[in-house]
């Protein structure tokens, strides 16, 4: 079993189940401390190479994923892996797409869809989930 994230570290969000997931912006330097063991990158173009396992969800800035079923599968995998590994979710700035993905993961963890954006804003970043369509995407998601 991998060493988990420090729950007090910047960007680390605790889900109701106790799983820890780190959100971050790729335009900022990699935070100090342990590296992820798995990452999900939400970008309009392929992400830079990393030394850990990673998946890419094609997700243009301020938009929604181009393939919602693929995004759902990857985010479900990230939620599952976070039970035993260090998972990070990241986009360029770390707020809109990352916040939306974290809210979708929170729904998978049992947070009601209509409360997931507020949960992420309270436990990750108060500016997470930037657009009305991102918020609607979360509120209409399913477990």
C-alpha atoms as a PDB file:
ATOM      1  CA  UNK A   1       0.000   0.000   0.000  1.00  0.00           C
ATOM      2  CA  UNK A   2       1.298   3.437  -0.892  1.00  0.00           C
ATOM      3  CA  UNK A   3       1.794   6.244   1.595  1.00  0.00           C
ATOM      4  CA  UNK A   4      -1.290   8.458   1.358  1.00  0.00           C
ATOM      5  CA  UNK A   5      -1.450  12.206   0.845  1.00  0.00           C
ATOM      6  CA  UNK A   6      -0.989  14.456   3.850  1.00  0.00           C
ATOM      7  CA  UNK A   7      -4.586  15.585   4.490  1.00  0.00           C
ATOM      8  CA  UNK A   8      -3.337  19.083   5.397  1.00  0.00           C
ATOM      9  CA  UNK A   9      -1.308  19.506   2.181  1.00  0.00           C
ATOM     10  CA  UNK A  10      -2.494  22.101  -0.343  1.00  0.00           C
ATOM     11  CA  UNK A  11      -5.121  20.788  -2.752  1.00  0.00           C
ATOM     12  CA  UNK A  12      -5.825  17.571  -0.855  1.00  0.00           C
ATOM     13  CA  UNK A  13      -9.523  16.876  -0.444  1.00  0.00           C
ATOM     14  CA  UNK A  14     -10.973  14.225   1.869  1.00  0.00           C
ATOM     15  CA  UNK A  15     -14.049  12.458   0.548  1.00  0.00           C
ATOM     16  CA  UNK A  16     -16.771  11.250   2.933  1.00  0.00           C
ATOM     17  CA  UNK A  17     -15.362   7.701   2.658  1.00  0.00           C
ATOM     18  CA  UNK A  18     -11.990   8.947   3.897  1.00  0.00           C
ATOM     19  CA  UNK A  19     -10.288   8.676   0.511  1.00  0.00           C
ATOM     20  CA  UNK A  20      -7.849  11.532  -0.182  1.00  0.00           C
ATOM     21  CA  UNK A  21      -7.493  13.052  -3.660  1.00  0.00           C
ATOM     22  CA  UNK A  22      -5.255  15.943  -4.631  1.00  0.00           C
ATOM     23  CA  UNK A  23      -6.415  18.565  -7.087  1.00  0.00           C
ATOM     24  CA  UNK A  24      -3.971  20.995  -8.647  1.00  0.00           C
ATOM     25  CA  UNK A  25      -3.212  23.307 -11.530  1.00  0.00           C
ATOM     26  CA  UNK A  26      -0.579  22.134 -13.996  1.00  0.00           C
ATOM     27  CA  UNK A  27       0.575  25.714 -14.620  1.00  0.00           C
ATOM     28  CA  UNK A  28       2.022  25.712 -11.097  1.00  0.00           C
ATOM     29  CA  UNK A  29       5.080  23.695 -10.033  1.00  0.00           C
ATOM     30  CA  UNK A  30       4.625  20.169  -8.738  1.00  0.00           C
ATOM     31  CA  UNK A  31       3.990  20.454  -4.984  1.00  0.00           C
ATOM     32  CA  UNK A  32       6.646  19.212  -2.587  1.00  0.00           C
ATOM     33  CA  UNK A  33       6.164  15.822  -0.989  1.00  0.00           C
ATOM     34  CA  UNK A  34       5.411  12.462  -2.512  1.00  0.00           C
ATOM     35  CA  UNK A  35       4.470  12.178  -6.167  1.00  0.00           C
ATOM     36  CA  UNK A  36       1.122  10.765  -7.238  1.00  0.00           C
ATOM     37  CA  UNK A  37       0.932   7.086  -8.059  1.00  0.00           C
ATOM     38  CA  UNK A  38      -1.897   7.831 -10.515  1.00  0.00           C
ATOM     39  CA  UNK A  39      -3.015  11.037 -12.189  1.00  0.00           C
ATOM     40  CA  UNK A  40      -5.991  12.166 -14.239  1.00  0.00           C
ATOM     41  CA  UNK A  41      -5.319  15.121 -16.512  1.00  0.00           C
ATOM     42  CA  UNK A  42      -8.141  17.236 -17.894  1.00  0.00           C
ATOM     43  CA  UNK A  43      -6.851  19.155 -20.884  1.00  0.00           C
ATOM     44  CA  UNK A  44      -7.817  20.020 -24.451  1.00  0.00           C
ATOM     45  CA  UNK A  45      -4.579  18.442 -25.714  1.00  0.00           C
ATOM     46  CA  UNK A  46      -2.469  15.529 -24.432  1.00  0.00           C
ATOM     47  CA  UNK A  47      -0.768  16.255 -21.104  1.00  0.00           C
ATOM     48  CA  UNK A  48       2.980  16.363 -20.568  1.00  0.00           C
ATOM     49  CA  UNK A  49       4.614  13.030 -19.763  1.00  0.00           C
ATOM     50  CA  UNK A  50       4.823  12.022 -16.098  1.00  0.00           C
ATOM     51  CA  UNK A  51       6.673   9.221 -14.310  1.00  0.00           C
ATOM     52  CA  UNK A  52       3.517   7.777 -12.693  1.00  0.00           C
ATOM     53  CA  UNK A  53       0.475   6.055 -14.222  1.00  0.00           C
ATOM     54  CA  UNK A  54      -1.844   8.577 -15.809  1.00  0.00           C
ATOM     55  CA  UNK A  55      -4.953   8.975 -17.936  1.00  0.00           C
ATOM     56  CA  UNK A  56      -6.072  11.888 -20.061  1.00  0.00           C
ATOM     57  CA  UNK A  57      -9.620  13.149 -20.415  1.00  0.00           C
ATOM     58  CA  UNK A  58      -9.944  15.472 -23.398  1.00  0.00           C
ATOM     59  CA  UNK A  59     -11.607  18.439 -21.736  1.00  0.00           C
ATOM     60  CA  UNK A  60     -11.195  21.933 -23.239  1.00  0.00           C
ATOM     61  CA  UNK A  61     -10.860  24.857 -20.826  1.00  0.00           C
ATOM     62  CA  UNK A  62     -14.194  26.221 -19.518  1.00  0.00           C
ATOM     63  CA  UNK A  63     -16.057  23.357 -21.221  1.00  0.00           C
ATOM     64  CA  UNK A  64     -17.141  19.780 -20.532  1.00  0.00           C
ATOM     65  CA  UNK A  65     -15.369  16.543 -21.465  1.00  0.00           C
ATOM     66  CA  UNK A  66     -15.609  15.713 -25.157  1.00  0.00           C
ATOM     67  CA  UNK A  67     -16.531  12.089 -24.317  1.00  0.00           C
ATOM     68  CA  UNK A  68     -18.613  11.980 -21.147  1.00  0.00           C
ATOM     69  CA  UNK A  69     -18.714   8.169 -20.911  1.00  0.00           C
ATOM     70  CA  UNK A  70     -14.914   7.987 -21.170  1.00  0.00           C
ATOM     71  CA  UNK A  71     -14.653  10.700 -18.501  1.00  0.00           C
ATOM     72  CA  UNK A  72     -17.053   8.801 -16.244  1.00  0.00           C
ATOM     73  CA  UNK A  73     -15.020   5.591 -16.587  1.00  0.00           C
ATOM     74  CA  UNK A  74     -11.710   7.330 -15.849  1.00  0.00           C
ATOM     75  CA  UNK A  75     -13.117   9.247 -12.859  1.00  0.00           C
ATOM     76  CA  UNK A  76     -14.660   6.048 -11.480  1.00  0.00           C
ATOM     77  CA  UNK A  77     -11.254   4.396 -11.817  1.00  0.00           C
ATOM     78  CA  UNK A  78      -9.598   7.334 -10.029  1.00  0.00           C
ATOM     79  CA  UNK A  79     -12.126   7.076  -7.180  1.00  0.00           C
ATOM     80  CA  UNK A  80     -11.463   3.353  -6.879  1.00  0.00           C
ATOM     81  CA  UNK A  81      -7.663   3.694  -6.966  1.00  0.00           C
ATOM     82  CA  UNK A  82      -7.766   6.480  -4.332  1.00  0.00           C
ATOM     83  CA  UNK A  83      -8.735   3.892  -1.740  1.00  0.00           C
ATOM     84  CA  UNK A  84      -5.138   2.593  -1.746  1.00  0.00           C
ATOM     85  CA  UNK A  85      -3.016   5.064  -3.731  1.00  0.00           C
ATOM     86  CA  UNK A  86      -2.146   8.744  -4.148  1.00  0.00           C
ATOM     87  CA  UNK A  87      -4.414  10.088  -6.888  1.00  0.00           C
ATOM     88  CA  UNK A  88      -4.236  13.577  -8.328  1.00  0.00           C
ATOM     89  CA  UNK A  89      -6.668  15.297 -10.664  1.00  0.00           C
ATOM     90  CA  UNK A  90      -5.383  18.329 -12.541  1.00  0.00           C
ATOM     91  CA  UNK A  91      -6.130  20.801 -15.317  1.00  0.00           C
ATOM     92  CA  UNK A  92      -4.340  23.995 -16.306  1.00  0.00           C
ATOM     93  CA  UNK A  93      -5.504  26.234 -13.466  1.00  0.00           C
ATOM     94  CA  UNK A  94      -6.813  23.641 -11.020  1.00  0.00           C
ATOM     95  CA  UNK A  95     -10.277  25.138 -10.504  1.00  0.00           C
ATOM     96  CA  UNK A  96     -12.882  24.702 -13.240  1.00  0.00           C
ATOM     97  CA  UNK A  97     -12.233  21.319 -14.796  1.00  0.00           C
ATOM     98  CA  UNK A  98     -10.436  19.976 -11.716  1.00  0.00           C
ATOM     99  CA  UNK A  99     -13.226  21.160  -9.414  1.00  0.00           C
ATOM    100  CA  UNK A 100     -15.848  19.660 -11.704  1.00  0.00           C
ATOM    101  CA  UNK A 101     -14.018  16.312 -11.822  1.00  0.00           C
ATOM    102  CA  UNK A 102     -13.588  16.323  -8.038  1.00  0.00           C
ATOM    103  CA  UNK A 103     -17.311  17.025  -7.644  1.00  0.00           C
ATOM    104  CA  UNK A 104     -18.114  14.098  -9.943  1.00  0.00           C
ATOM    105  CA  UNK A 105     -15.808  11.886  -7.856  1.00  0.00           C
ATOM    106  CA  UNK A 106     -17.550  13.137  -4.706  1.00  0.00           C
ATOM    107  CA  UNK A 107     -20.855  11.976  -6.211  1.00  0.00           C
ATOM    108  CA  UNK A 108     -19.306   8.533  -6.766  1.00  0.00           C
ATOM    109  CA  UNK A 109     -18.331   8.623  -3.082  1.00  0.00           C
ATOM    110  CA  UNK A 110     -21.919   9.256  -2.001  1.00  0.00           C
ATOM    111  CA  UNK A 111     -22.318  13.045  -1.979  1.00  0.00           C
ATOM    112  CA  UNK A 112     -25.710  13.895  -3.520  1.00  0.00           C
ATOM    113  CA  UNK A 113     -25.240  15.451  -6.989  1.00  0.00           C
ATOM    114  CA  UNK A 114     -27.005  18.672  -6.003  1.00  0.00           C
ATOM    115  CA  UNK A 115     -24.592  19.100  -3.044  1.00  0.00           C
ATOM    116  CA  UNK A 116     -21.331  18.042  -4.724  1.00  0.00           C
ATOM    117  CA  UNK A 117     -20.255  21.475  -5.994  1.00  0.00           C
ATOM    118  CA  UNK A 118     -20.737  22.980  -2.524  1.00  0.00           C
ATOM    119  CA  UNK A 119     -18.811  20.051  -1.025  1.00  0.00           C
ATOM    120  CA  UNK A 120     -15.839  20.641  -3.322  1.00  0.00           C
ATOM    121  CA  UNK A 121     -15.937  24.394  -2.743  1.00  0.00           C
ATOM    122  CA  UNK A 122     -15.899  23.792   1.020  1.00  0.00           C
ATOM    123  CA  UNK A 123     -13.215  21.079   1.022  1.00  0.00           C
ATOM    124  CA  UNK A 124     -10.990  21.913  -1.970  1.00  0.00           C
ATOM    125  CA  UNK A 125     -11.279  25.434  -3.427  1.00  0.00           C
ATOM    126  CA  UNK A 126     -14.029  27.995  -2.925  1.00  0.00           C
ATOM    127  CA  UNK A 127     -13.748  28.954  -6.623  1.00  0.00           C
ATOM    128  CA  UNK A 128     -13.998  25.380  -7.939  1.00  0.00           C
ATOM    129  CA  UNK A 129     -16.436  24.632 -10.775  1.00  0.00           C
ATOM    130  CA  UNK A 130     -16.361  27.826 -12.791  1.00  0.00           C
ATOM    131  CA  UNK A 131     -19.209  27.733 -15.293  1.00  0.00           C
ATOM    132  CA  UNK A 132     -22.968  27.175 -15.106  1.00  0.00           C
ATOM    133  CA  UNK A 133     -22.704  24.191 -17.485  1.00  0.00           C
ATOM    134  CA  UNK A 134     -20.003  22.575 -15.319  1.00  0.00           C
ATOM    135  CA  UNK A 135     -22.274  22.977 -12.295  1.00  0.00           C
ATOM    136  CA  UNK A 136     -25.248  21.552 -14.224  1.00  0.00           C
ATOM    137  CA  UNK A 137     -23.084  18.620 -15.426  1.00  0.00           C
ATOM    138  CA  UNK A 138     -22.362  17.708 -11.799  1.00  0.00           C
ATOM    139  CA  UNK A 139     -25.932  18.214 -10.563  1.00  0.00           C
ATOM    140  CA  UNK A 140     -27.271  15.837 -13.234  1.00  0.00           C
ATOM    141  CA  UNK A 141     -24.600  13.165 -12.724  1.00  0.00           C
ATOM    142  CA  UNK A 142     -25.283   9.754 -11.302  1.00  0.00           C
ATOM    143  CA  UNK A 143     -23.434   7.401  -8.974  1.00  0.00           C
END
